[in-house]
Amino acid sequence: MESTEGGAKAIDVYIYAGIAVGLAIGLLFAPQSGVETRTMLREKALQLQAKAAEVAEKLK
């Protein structure tokens, strides 16, 4: 019988990606100035990049 651990990890990646997309859409519709929104998106993207690198390292 095959282990589903790899499938569970893939689902985690999809969940994080979905959360990131949801946050980005929420920020785009937030009542803030464009500069504030872009700054916040940039910060969240950097956080997501760090988290993705962490998850990728764990998958190795």
Protein backbone atom coordinates (compact mmCIF):
# COMPACT_ATOMS: atom_id res chain seq x y z
CA MET A 1 0.00 0.00 0.00
CA GLU A 2 1.34 3.44 -0.93
CA SER A 3 2.00 6.17 1.58
CA THR A 4 -0.17 9.24 1.27
CA GLU A 5 2.35 11.49 3.01
CA GLY A 6 3.48 13.01 -0.31
CA GLY A 7 -0.13 13.70 -1.26
CA ALA A 8 -0.80 15.36 2.08
CA LYS A 9 2.21 17.64 1.61
CA ALA A 10 0.99 18.60 -1.86
CA ILE A 11 -2.40 19.48 -0.40
CA ASP A 12 -0.68 21.69 2.17
CA VAL A 13 1.09 23.56 -0.63
CA TYR A 14 -2.24 24.09 -2.41
CA ILE A 15 -3.83 25.32 0.79
CA TYR A 16 -1.05 27.87 1.33
CA ALA A 17 -1.29 28.96 -2.30
CA GLY A 18 -5.05 29.38 -1.93
CA ILE A 19 -4.60 31.44 1.20
CA ALA A 20 -2.07 33.66 -0.57
CA VAL A 21 -4.40 34.21 -3.52
CA GLY A 22 -7.29 34.97 -1.18
CA LEU A 23 -5.19 37.48 0.74
CA ALA A 24 -4.05 39.15 -2.46
CA ILE A 25 -7.62 39.49 -3.73
CA GLY A 26 -8.75 40.82 -0.36
CA LEU A 27 -5.99 43.40 -0.38
CA LEU A 28 -6.86 44.52 -3.89
CA PHE A 29 -10.43 45.26 -2.80
CA ALA A 30 -9.42 46.88 0.50
CA PRO A 31 -10.24 50.57 0.94
CA GLN A 32 -6.61 51.74 0.91
CA SER A 33 -4.52 53.87 -1.37
CA GLY A 34 -2.66 52.21 -4.21
CA VAL A 35 0.71 52.85 -2.61
CA GLU A 36 -0.37 51.25 0.68
CA THR A 37 -1.86 48.27 -1.13
CA ARG A 38 1.24 47.70 -3.26
CA THR A 39 3.48 47.95 -0.21
CA MET A 40 1.35 45.45 1.67
CA LEU A 41 1.28 43.08 -1.32
CA ARG A 42 5.04 43.30 -1.65
CA GLU A 43 5.50 42.44 2.04
CA LYS A 44 3.05 39.52 1.84
CA ALA A 45 4.77 38.23 -1.32
CA LEU A 46 8.12 38.25 0.46
CA GLN A 47 6.60 36.38 3.40
CA LEU A 48 5.02 33.87 1.04
CA GLN A 49 8.32 33.41 -0.78
CA ALA A 50 10.08 32.67 2.51
CA LYS A 51 7.33 30.23 3.52
CA ALA A 52 7.46 28.50 0.13
CA ALA A 53 11.23 28.12 0.43
CA GLU A 54 10.76 26.64 3.89
CA VAL A 55 8.15 24.16 2.66
CA ALA A 56 10.29 23.24 -0.34
CA GLU A 57 13.26 22.60 1.95
CA LYS A 58 11.11 20.36 4.16
CA LEU A 59 9.92 18.42 1.11
CA LYS A 60 13.52 17.67 0.15
